[in-house]
Amino acid sequence: MPVTLHLKRSPNVPLEAEVLSPDVVATLSNSEIRGLTIYHGKRQLPVSEFFEVEGEHSDDLVLHGAMHKVRWVGRGMSRGSLTVHGAVGMHLGAYMSGGRIDVYGNAGDWVGAEMKNGFIHVHGNAGGQIGAAYRGAMSGMRNGVIIVDGSAGLEVGMRMRRGTIVVGGPARDFTGLQMKGGTIILLSGAEIRTGAWMKRGTIISMKPLQLMPTFQHASNCQPTFVDLYARHLRQFGVQLPSAADAGSYAMYRGDQSVPGKGEILVWSPD
């Protein structure tokens, strides 16, 4: 039986709730979970002040409610599952190293920031800086998979080093900013400055992009590694065209202002 929390009332200011993680609740009784400390602004309060708690001793955690002001949920989680039914605030799954997060709603900025491994699926829209490095940090996500079914905000994958990010809806400016590795897949394209200052890594777009002049067209191709990604992502319900007779990818190299060795592939159906 999972540990289930229902939000009783919306916080007036952001609620810092990094204790809402499978790693924390897995060994605790119901009363111990209710007594965990969360931060409502400058006030330290027990979880029971905002949540009704059911269950105990489980690394499967389920949250219900409009939690767009609840931050740091799943911070640093390494195991188990976290399911959110409703919106959730900033820093979801930050520093995550294992386990699975599903959000049946929208998520705020910094989803999976600097995550090391694990799987995050946002079934709605997400904010900016998905899988990104925090300000002043050199590297963003190092491994794992993040899927956003809807749209995404600014700086998706900023300074990411490894891992995969898939965005189903359109992404905003600076997608792949300063990328150092990994793969970003854009099923509905992105706004301007895609791949700015990227050094390595791959951005794959299913829609045309307005590329910066510091990216040069290299070839039209059907890369073998795209077939591998297509097979891998199929298990998550993500469909990538990979058959040679369906079209081809225009490959661009850059960002040559760095200079970088990144690549942007833009799909063109026959």
C-alpha atoms as a PDB file:
ATOM      1  CA  MET A   1       0.000   0.000   0.000  1.00  0.00           C
ATOM      2  CA  PRO A   2       1.482   3.392  -0.968  1.00  0.00           C
ATOM      3  CA  VAL A   3       1.827   6.359   1.315  1.00  0.00           C
ATOM      4  CA  THR A   4      -0.879   8.791   0.131  1.00  0.00           C
ATOM      5  CA  LEU A   5      -1.060  12.499   0.932  1.00  0.00           C
ATOM      6  CA  HIS A   6      -4.020  14.787   0.180  1.00  0.00           C
ATOM      7  CA  LEU A   7      -3.479  18.539   0.281  1.00  0.00           C
ATOM      8  CA  LYS A   8      -5.944  20.004   2.778  1.00  0.00           C
ATOM      9  CA  ARG A   9      -5.411  23.679   1.986  1.00  0.00           C
ATOM     10  CA  SER A  10      -3.298  25.699  -0.414  1.00  0.00           C
ATOM     11  CA  PRO A  11      -0.256  27.436   1.088  1.00  0.00           C
ATOM     12  CA  ASN A  12      -0.250  31.229   0.996  1.00  0.00           C
ATOM     13  CA  VAL A  13       3.452  31.341   0.142  1.00  0.00           C
ATOM     14  CA  PRO A  14       5.749  28.691  -1.363  1.00  0.00           C
ATOM     15  CA  LEU A  15       5.891  25.523   0.718  1.00  0.00           C
ATOM     16  CA  GLU A  16       9.335  23.884   0.856  1.00  0.00           C
ATOM     17  CA  ALA A  17       8.638  20.151   1.114  1.00  0.00           C
ATOM     18  CA  GLU A  18      11.752  18.180   0.207  1.00  0.00           C
ATOM     19  CA  VAL A  19      10.751  15.548   2.780  1.00  0.00           C
ATOM     20  CA  LEU A  20       8.023  14.434   0.365  1.00  0.00           C
ATOM     21  CA  SER A  21      10.242  11.780  -1.153  1.00  0.00           C
ATOM     22  CA  PRO A  22      10.102   7.954  -1.209  1.00  0.00           C
ATOM     23  CA  ASP A  23      13.540   7.832   0.413  1.00  0.00           C
ATOM     24  CA  VAL A  24      12.239   9.711   3.444  1.00  0.00           C
ATOM     25  CA  VAL A  25       8.843   8.068   4.010  1.00  0.00           C
ATOM     26  CA  ALA A  26       9.866   4.469   3.203  1.00  0.00           C
ATOM     27  CA  THR A  27      10.941   3.638   6.764  1.00  0.00           C
ATOM     28  CA  LEU A  28       8.513   5.849   8.678  1.00  0.00           C
ATOM     29  CA  SER A  29       5.238   5.155  10.430  1.00  0.00           C
ATOM     30  CA  ASN A  30       2.124   7.204   9.721  1.00  0.00           C
ATOM     31  CA  SER A  31       2.633   9.382  12.770  1.00  0.00           C
ATOM     32  CA  GLU A  32       6.283   9.974  11.900  1.00  0.00           C
ATOM     33  CA  ILE A  33       5.338  11.053   8.367  1.00  0.00           C
ATOM     34  CA  ARG A  34       2.726  13.456   9.723  1.00  0.00           C
ATOM     35  CA  GLY A  35       5.360  14.927  12.004  1.00  0.00           C
ATOM     36  CA  LEU A  36       7.952  15.624   9.317  1.00  0.00           C
ATOM     37  CA  THR A  37       8.986  19.257   9.039  1.00  0.00           C
ATOM     38  CA  ILE A  38       8.077  21.415   6.058  1.00  0.00           C
ATOM     39  CA  TYR A  39       8.701  25.139   5.602  1.00  0.00           C
ATOM     40  CA  HIS A  40       5.876  27.578   4.938  1.00  0.00           C
ATOM     41  CA  GLY A  41       7.840  30.718   4.279  1.00  0.00           C
ATOM     42  CA  LYS A  42       9.924  31.152   7.460  1.00  0.00           C
ATOM     43  CA  ARG A  43       7.659  28.947   9.565  1.00  0.00           C
ATOM     44  CA  GLN A  44       8.485  25.315  10.355  1.00  0.00           C
ATOM     45  CA  LEU A  45       5.336  23.209  10.381  1.00  0.00           C
ATOM     46  CA  PRO A  46       4.505  19.484  10.433  1.00  0.00           C
ATOM     47  CA  VAL A  47       3.318  17.787   7.254  1.00  0.00           C
ATOM     48  CA  SER A  48      -0.066  17.238   8.918  1.00  0.00           C
ATOM     49  CA  GLU A  49      -0.664  21.003   8.885  1.00  0.00           C
ATOM     50  CA  PHE A  50      -1.213  20.859   5.112  1.00  0.00           C
ATOM     51  CA  PHE A  51      -1.713  17.192   4.248  1.00  0.00           C
ATOM     52  CA  GLU A  52      -3.889  14.287   5.264  1.00  0.00           C
ATOM     53  CA  VAL A  53      -1.679  11.200   5.401  1.00  0.00           C
ATOM     54  CA  GLU A  54      -2.661   7.608   4.690  1.00  0.00           C
ATOM     55  CA  GLY A  55      -0.376   4.576   4.826  1.00  0.00           C
ATOM     56  CA  GLU A  56       3.143   4.032   6.107  1.00  0.00           C
ATOM     57  CA  HIS A  57       6.393   2.142   5.472  1.00  0.00           C
ATOM     58  CA  SER A  58       6.338   2.323   1.669  1.00  0.00           C
ATOM     59  CA  ASP A  59       8.640   3.737  -0.986  1.00  0.00           C
ATOM     60  CA  ASP A  60       5.623   4.399  -3.230  1.00  0.00           C
ATOM     61  CA  LEU A  61       4.388   7.923  -2.543  1.00  0.00           C
ATOM     62  CA  VAL A  62       1.182   9.418  -4.017  1.00  0.00           C
ATOM     63  CA  LEU A  63       0.248  13.096  -3.739  1.00  0.00           C
ATOM     64  CA  HIS A  64      -3.142  14.674  -4.512  1.00  0.00           C
ATOM     65  CA  GLY A  65      -4.019  18.341  -4.837  1.00  0.00           C
ATOM     66  CA  ALA A  66      -3.227  21.656  -6.502  1.00  0.00           C
ATOM     67  CA  MET A  67       0.365  21.897  -5.315  1.00  0.00           C
ATOM     68  CA  HIS A  68       1.738  24.534  -7.680  1.00  0.00           C
ATOM     69  CA  LYS A  69       3.242  26.320  -4.643  1.00  0.00           C
ATOM     70  CA  VAL A  70       4.780  23.144  -3.178  1.00  0.00           C
ATOM     71  CA  ARG A  71       8.473  23.000  -4.036  1.00  0.00           C
ATOM     72  CA  TRP A  72      11.313  20.452  -3.930  1.00  0.00           C
ATOM     73  CA  VAL A  73       9.021  17.407  -4.058  1.00  0.00           C
ATOM     74  CA  GLY A  74      11.141  14.300  -4.696  1.00  0.00           C
ATOM     75  CA  ARG A  75      14.403  16.142  -4.104  1.00  0.00           C
ATOM     76  CA  GLY A  76      17.333  13.730  -4.310  1.00  0.00           C
ATOM     77  CA  MET A  77      15.131  10.622  -4.463  1.00  0.00           C
ATOM     78  CA  SER A  78      16.987   7.429  -5.317  1.00  0.00           C
ATOM     79  CA  ARG A  79      14.304   4.736  -5.309  1.00  0.00           C
ATOM     80  CA  GLY A  80      10.629   3.927  -5.421  1.00  0.00           C
ATOM     81  CA  SER A  81       7.900   5.875  -7.162  1.00  0.00           C
ATOM     82  CA  LEU A  82       6.340   9.291  -6.732  1.00  0.00           C
ATOM     83  CA  THR A  83       2.977  10.026  -8.357  1.00  0.00           C
ATOM     84  CA  VAL A  84       1.401  13.474  -8.330  1.00  0.00           C
ATOM     85  CA  HIS A  85      -2.263  13.952  -9.235  1.00  0.00           C
ATOM     86  CA  GLY A  86      -2.456  17.685  -9.801  1.00  0.00           C
ATOM     87  CA  ALA A  87      -0.029  20.536 -10.357  1.00  0.00           C
ATOM     88  CA  VAL A  88       3.337  20.636  -8.604  1.00  0.00           C
ATOM     89  CA  GLY A  89       5.774  23.466  -7.993  1.00  0.00           C
ATOM     90  CA  MET A  90       9.407  24.188  -8.746  1.00  0.00           C
ATOM     91  CA  HIS A  91      12.393  21.824  -8.388  1.00  0.00           C
ATOM     92  CA  LEU A  92      10.478  18.554  -8.827  1.00  0.00           C
ATOM     93  CA  GLY A  93      12.976  15.666  -8.756  1.00  0.00           C
ATOM     94  CA  ALA A  94      16.004  17.940  -8.444  1.00  0.00           C
ATOM     95  CA  TYR A  95      19.233  15.968  -7.829  1.00  0.00           C
ATOM     96  CA  MET A  96      17.278  12.732  -8.400  1.00  0.00           C
ATOM     97  CA  SER A  97      19.434   9.595  -8.743  1.00  0.00           C
ATOM     98  CA  GLY A  98      16.843   6.831  -9.174  1.00  0.00           C
ATOM     99  CA  GLY A  99      13.206   5.847  -9.102  1.00  0.00           C
ATOM    100  CA  ARG A 100      10.266   7.162 -11.111  1.00  0.00           C
ATOM    101  CA  ILE A 101       8.140  10.326 -10.957  1.00  0.00           C
ATOM    102  CA  ASP A 102       4.798  10.758 -12.761  1.00  0.00           C
ATOM    103  CA  VAL A 103       2.878  14.038 -12.708  1.00  0.00           C
ATOM    104  CA  TYR A 104      -0.714  14.051 -13.959  1.00  0.00           C
ATOM    105  CA  GLY A 105      -0.837  17.819 -14.265  1.00  0.00           C
ATOM    106  CA  ASN A 106       1.578  20.692 -14.819  1.00  0.00           C
ATOM    107  CA  ALA A 107       4.976  21.214 -13.206  1.00  0.00           C
ATOM    108  CA  GLY A 108       6.979  24.342 -12.447  1.00  0.00           C
ATOM    109  CA  ASP A 109      10.537  25.330 -13.330  1.00  0.00           C
ATOM    110  CA  TRP A 110      13.659  23.213 -12.752  1.00  0.00           C
ATOM    111  CA  VAL A 111      12.109  19.746 -13.246  1.00  0.00           C
ATOM    112  CA  GLY A 112      14.912  17.198 -12.799  1.00  0.00           C
ATOM    113  CA  ALA A 113      17.550  19.881 -12.338  1.00  0.00           C
ATOM    114  CA  GLU A 114      21.011  18.294 -12.056  1.00  0.00           C
ATOM    115  CA  MET A 115      19.464  14.814 -11.838  1.00  0.00           C
ATOM    116  CA  LYS A 116      21.900  11.907 -11.976  1.00  0.00           C
ATOM    117  CA  ASN A 117      19.519   9.133 -13.002  1.00  0.00           C
ATOM    118  CA  GLY A 118      15.882   8.086 -12.846  1.00  0.00           C
ATOM    119  CA  PHE A 119      12.742   8.762 -14.867  1.00  0.00           C
ATOM    120  CA  ILE A 120      10.346  11.739 -14.800  1.00  0.00           C
ATOM    121  CA  HIS A 121       7.155  11.983 -16.851  1.00  0.00           C
ATOM    122  CA  VAL A 122       5.121  15.187 -16.723  1.00  0.00           C
ATOM    123  CA  HIS A 123       1.791  14.500 -18.426  1.00  0.00           C
ATOM    124  CA  GLY A 124       1.032  18.234 -18.735  1.00  0.00           C
ATOM    125  CA  ASN A 125       3.158  21.333 -19.296  1.00  0.00           C
ATOM    126  CA  ALA A 126       6.393  22.210 -17.518  1.00  0.00           C
ATOM    127  CA  GLY A 127       8.280  25.418 -16.832  1.00  0.00           C
ATOM    128  CA  GLY A 128      11.804  26.360 -17.767  1.00  0.00           C
ATOM    129  CA  GLN A 129      15.237  24.923 -16.982  1.00  0.00           C
ATOM    130  CA  ILE A 130      14.170  21.275 -17.321  1.00  0.00           C
ATOM    131  CA  GLY A 131      17.164  19.052 -16.533  1.00  0.00           C
ATOM    132  CA  ALA A 132      19.306  22.172 -16.277  1.00  0.00           C
ATOM    133  CA  ALA A 133      22.227  23.241 -14.128  1.00  0.00           C
ATOM    134  CA  TYR A 134      21.492  25.619 -11.284  1.00  0.00           C
ATOM    135  CA  ARG A 135      22.974  29.098 -11.533  1.00  0.00           C
ATOM    136  CA  GLY A 136      26.715  28.885 -11.036  1.00  0.00           C
ATOM    137  CA  ALA A 137      26.872  25.097 -11.507  1.00  0.00           C
ATOM    138  CA  MET A 138      28.860  23.686 -14.423  1.00  0.00           C
ATOM    139  CA  SER A 139      26.727  20.653 -15.299  1.00  0.00           C
ATOM    140  CA  GLY A 140      23.018  19.928 -15.532  1.00  0.00           C
ATOM    141  CA  MET A 141      21.494  16.453 -15.688  1.00  0.00           C
ATOM    142  CA  ARG A 142      24.038  13.655 -15.957  1.00  0.00           C
ATOM    143  CA  ASN A 143      21.759  10.759 -16.853  1.00  0.00           C
ATOM    144  CA  GLY A 144      18.136   9.658 -16.815  1.00  0.00           C
ATOM    145  CA  VAL A 145      15.035  10.427 -18.867  1.00  0.00           C
ATOM    146  CA  ILE A 146      12.619  13.368 -18.626  1.00  0.00           C
ATOM    147  CA  ILE A 147       9.453  13.388 -20.739  1.00  0.00           C
ATOM    148  CA  VAL A 148       7.084  16.367 -20.884  1.00  0.00           C
ATOM    149  CA  ASP A 149       3.923  15.747 -22.881  1.00  0.00           C
ATOM    150  CA  GLY A 150       3.056  19.438 -23.141  1.00  0.00           C
ATOM    151  CA  SER A 151       5.013  22.634 -23.633  1.00  0.00           C
ATOM    152  CA  ALA A 152       8.204  23.719 -21.865  1.00  0.00           C
ATOM    153  CA  GLY A 153       9.741  27.034 -20.856  1.00  0.00           C
ATOM    154  CA  LEU A 154      13.138  28.656 -21.278  1.00  0.00           C
ATOM    155  CA  GLU A 155      16.560  26.969 -21.234  1.00  0.00           C
ATOM    156  CA  VAL A 156      15.513  23.328 -21.459  1.00  0.00           C
ATOM    157  CA  GLY A 157      18.580  21.157 -20.865  1.00  0.00           C
ATOM    158  CA  MET A 158      20.897  24.070 -20.034  1.00  0.00           C
ATOM    159  CA  ARG A 159      24.421  22.653 -19.527  1.00  0.00           C
ATOM    160  CA  MET A 160      23.135  19.074 -19.482  1.00  0.00           C
ATOM    161  CA  ARG A 161      25.908  16.487 -19.805  1.00  0.00           C
ATOM    162  CA  ARG A 162      24.069  13.203 -20.420  1.00  0.00           C
ATOM    163  CA  GLY A 163      20.557  11.813 -20.449  1.00  0.00           C
ATOM    164  CA  THR A 164      17.465  12.378 -22.582  1.00  0.00           C
ATOM    165  CA  ILE A 165      14.792  15.071 -22.511  1.00  0.00           C
ATOM    166  CA  VAL A 166      11.663  14.764 -24.671  1.00  0.00           C
ATOM    167  CA  VAL A 167       9.257  17.713 -25.054  1.00  0.00           C
ATOM    168  CA  GLY A 168       5.951  16.993 -26.775  1.00  0.00           C
ATOM    169  CA  GLY A 169       4.742  20.590 -27.139  1.00  0.00           C
ATOM    170  CA  PRO A 170       6.700  23.654 -28.225  1.00  0.00           C
ATOM    171  CA  ALA A 171       9.672  24.779 -26.145  1.00  0.00           C
ATOM    172  CA  ARG A 172      10.689  28.382 -25.610  1.00  0.00           C
ATOM    173  CA  ASP A 173      13.988  30.206 -26.244  1.00  0.00           C
ATOM    174  CA  PHE A 174      17.474  28.872 -25.535  1.00  0.00           C
ATOM    175  CA  THR A 175      16.623  25.166 -25.649  1.00  0.00           C
ATOM    176  CA  GLY A 176      19.933  23.313 -25.220  1.00  0.00           C
ATOM    177  CA  LEU A 177      21.778  26.388 -23.957  1.00  0.00           C
ATOM    178  CA  GLN A 178      25.453  25.509 -23.343  1.00  0.00           C
ATOM    179  CA  MET A 179      24.776  21.785 -23.766  1.00  0.00           C
ATOM    180  CA  LYS A 180      27.732  19.538 -22.976  1.00  0.00           C
ATOM    181  CA  GLY A 181      26.165  16.231 -23.993  1.00  0.00           C
ATOM    182  CA  GLY A 182      22.980  14.233 -23.930  1.00  0.00           C
ATOM    183  CA  THR A 183      19.956  14.425 -26.202  1.00  0.00           C
ATOM    184  CA  ILE A 184      16.951  16.751 -26.409  1.00  0.00           C
ATOM    185  CA  ILE A 185      14.041  15.665 -28.614  1.00  0.00           C
ATOM    186  CA  LEU A 186      11.547  18.342 -29.660  1.00  0.00           C
ATOM    187  CA  LEU A 187       8.369  16.876 -31.089  1.00  0.00           C
ATOM    188  CA  SER A 188       6.830  20.306 -31.773  1.00  0.00           C
ATOM    189  CA  GLY A 189       9.916  22.449 -32.286  1.00  0.00           C
ATOM    190  CA  ALA A 190      11.169  25.420 -30.285  1.00  0.00           C
ATOM    191  CA  GLU A 191      11.423  29.188 -30.421  1.00  0.00           C
ATOM    192  CA  ILE A 192      14.675  31.030 -31.141  1.00  0.00           C
ATOM    193  CA  ARG A 193      18.326  30.531 -30.115  1.00  0.00           C
ATOM    194  CA  THR A 194      18.114  26.753 -30.002  1.00  0.00           C
ATOM    195  CA  GLY A 195      21.506  25.260 -29.163  1.00  0.00           C
ATOM    196  CA  ALA A 196      23.139  28.561 -28.272  1.00  0.00           C
ATOM    197  CA  TRP A 197      26.759  28.004 -27.176  1.00  0.00           C
ATOM    198  CA  MET A 198      26.318  24.235 -27.162  1.00  0.00           C
ATOM    199  CA  LYS A 199      29.637  22.367 -27.062  1.00  0.00           C
ATOM    200  CA  ARG A 200      28.434  18.799 -27.520  1.00  0.00           C
ATOM    201  CA  GLY A 201      25.200  16.850 -27.516  1.00  0.00           C
ATOM    202  CA  THR A 202      22.304  16.351 -29.901  1.00  0.00           C
ATOM    203  CA  ILE A 203      19.036  18.204 -30.433  1.00  0.00           C
ATOM    204  CA  ILE A 204      16.450  16.451 -32.624  1.00  0.00           C
ATOM    205  CA  SER A 205      13.442  18.452 -33.817  1.00  0.00           C
ATOM    206  CA  MET A 206      10.416  17.083 -35.650  1.00  0.00           C
ATOM    207  CA  LYS A 207       9.457  20.613 -36.733  1.00  0.00           C
ATOM    208  CA  PRO A 208      11.442  23.324 -38.569  1.00  0.00           C
ATOM    209  CA  LEU A 209      13.669  25.517 -36.391  1.00  0.00           C
ATOM    210  CA  GLN A 210      14.911  29.067 -36.810  1.00  0.00           C
ATOM    211  CA  LEU A 211      18.594  28.279 -36.389  1.00  0.00           C
ATOM    212  CA  MET A 212      21.320  30.749 -35.543  1.00  0.00           C
ATOM    213  CA  PRO A 213      23.883  31.547 -38.273  1.00  0.00           C
ATOM    214  CA  THR A 214      26.588  29.886 -36.155  1.00  0.00           C
ATOM    215  CA  PHE A 215      25.201  26.479 -37.160  1.00  0.00           C
ATOM    216  CA  GLN A 216      26.243  25.133 -40.542  1.00  0.00           C
ATOM    217  CA  HIS A 217      24.399  22.557 -42.589  1.00  0.00           C
ATOM    218  CA  ALA A 218      26.480  19.375 -42.797  1.00  0.00           C
ATOM    219  CA  SER A 219      24.287  16.844 -44.603  1.00  0.00           C
ATOM    220  CA  ASN A 220      20.872  15.286 -45.070  1.00  0.00           C
ATOM    221  CA  CYS A 221      20.952  11.857 -43.493  1.00  0.00           C
ATOM    222  CA  GLN A 222      19.177   9.077 -41.616  1.00  0.00           C
ATOM    223  CA  PRO A 223      21.527   8.495 -38.646  1.00  0.00           C
ATOM    224  CA  THR A 224      21.636   4.999 -37.202  1.00  0.00           C
ATOM    225  CA  PHE A 225      21.571   6.297 -33.634  1.00  0.00           C
ATOM    226  CA  VAL A 226      18.125   7.835 -34.257  1.00  0.00           C
ATOM    227  CA  ASP A 227      16.815   4.309 -34.893  1.00  0.00           C
ATOM    228  CA  LEU A 228      18.243   3.265 -31.526  1.00  0.00           C
ATOM    229  CA  TYR A 229      16.577   6.221 -29.800  1.00  0.00           C
ATOM    230  CA  ALA A 230      13.293   5.452 -31.563  1.00  0.00           C
ATOM    231  CA  ARG A 231      13.304   1.883 -30.246  1.00  0.00           C
ATOM    232  CA  HIS A 232      14.299   2.973 -26.751  1.00  0.00           C
ATOM    233  CA  LEU A 233      11.652   5.687 -26.495  1.00  0.00           C
ATOM    234  CA  ARG A 234       8.854   3.558 -27.900  1.00  0.00           C
ATOM    235  CA  GLN A 235       8.452   1.934 -24.480  1.00  0.00           C
ATOM    236  CA  PHE A 236       7.499   5.379 -23.134  1.00  0.00           C
ATOM    237  CA  GLY A 237       4.971   6.048 -25.893  1.00  0.00           C
ATOM    238  CA  VAL A 238       7.269   8.428 -27.820  1.00  0.00           C
ATOM    239  CA  GLN A 239       7.234   7.925 -31.590  1.00  0.00           C
ATOM    240  CA  LEU A 240      10.187   9.038 -33.714  1.00  0.00           C
ATOM    241  CA  PRO A 241      10.304   8.541 -37.482  1.00  0.00           C
ATOM    242  CA  SER A 242      13.239   6.358 -38.352  1.00  0.00           C
ATOM    243  CA  ALA A 243      12.421   4.520 -41.581  1.00  0.00           C
ATOM    244  CA  ALA A 244      14.664   5.632 -44.440  1.00  0.00           C
ATOM    245  CA  ASP A 245      11.765   5.884 -46.884  1.00  0.00           C
ATOM    246  CA  ALA A 246       9.759   8.217 -44.616  1.00  0.00           C
ATOM    247  CA  GLY A 247      12.097  11.195 -44.882  1.00  0.00           C
ATOM    248  CA  SER A 248      15.471  12.422 -43.690  1.00  0.00           C
ATOM    249  CA  TYR A 249      17.141  14.661 -41.155  1.00  0.00           C
ATOM    250  CA  ALA A 250      18.987  17.847 -42.019  1.00  0.00           C
ATOM    251  CA  MET A 251      22.065  17.882 -39.790  1.00  0.00           C
ATOM    252  CA  TYR A 252      23.614  21.139 -38.598  1.00  0.00           C
ATOM    253  CA  ARG A 253      26.907  21.474 -36.698  1.00  0.00           C
ATOM    254  CA  GLY A 254      27.664  24.099 -34.055  1.00  0.00           C
ATOM    255  CA  ASP A 255      27.643  26.268 -32.145  1.00  0.00           C
ATOM    256  CA  GLN A 256      30.705  27.482 -34.042  1.00  0.00           C
ATOM    257  CA  SER A 257      30.970  30.646 -31.954  1.00  0.00           C
ATOM    258  CA  VAL A 258      32.196  28.545 -28.996  1.00  0.00           C
ATOM    259  CA  PRO A 259      33.436  26.594 -31.056  1.00  0.00           C
ATOM    260  CA  GLY A 260      31.289  23.566 -30.366  1.00  0.00           C
ATOM    261  CA  LYS A 261      30.806  20.079 -31.726  1.00  0.00           C
ATOM    262  CA  GLY A 262      27.100  19.798 -31.096  1.00  0.00           C
ATOM    263  CA  GLU A 263      24.547  18.755 -33.683  1.00  0.00           C
ATOM    264  CA  ILE A 264      20.970  19.718 -34.445  1.00  0.00           C
ATOM    265  CA  LEU A 265      18.868  17.365 -36.568  1.00  0.00           C
ATOM    266  CA  VAL A 266      15.693  18.681 -38.173  1.00  0.00           C
ATOM    267  CA  TRP A 267      13.239  16.157 -39.599  1.00  0.00           C
ATOM    268  CA  SER A 268      11.958  16.582 -43.141  1.00  0.00           C
ATOM    269  CA  PRO A 269       9.312  14.123 -44.340  1.00  0.00           C
ATOM    270  CA  ASP A 270       9.293  13.060 -47.995  1.00  0.00           C
END
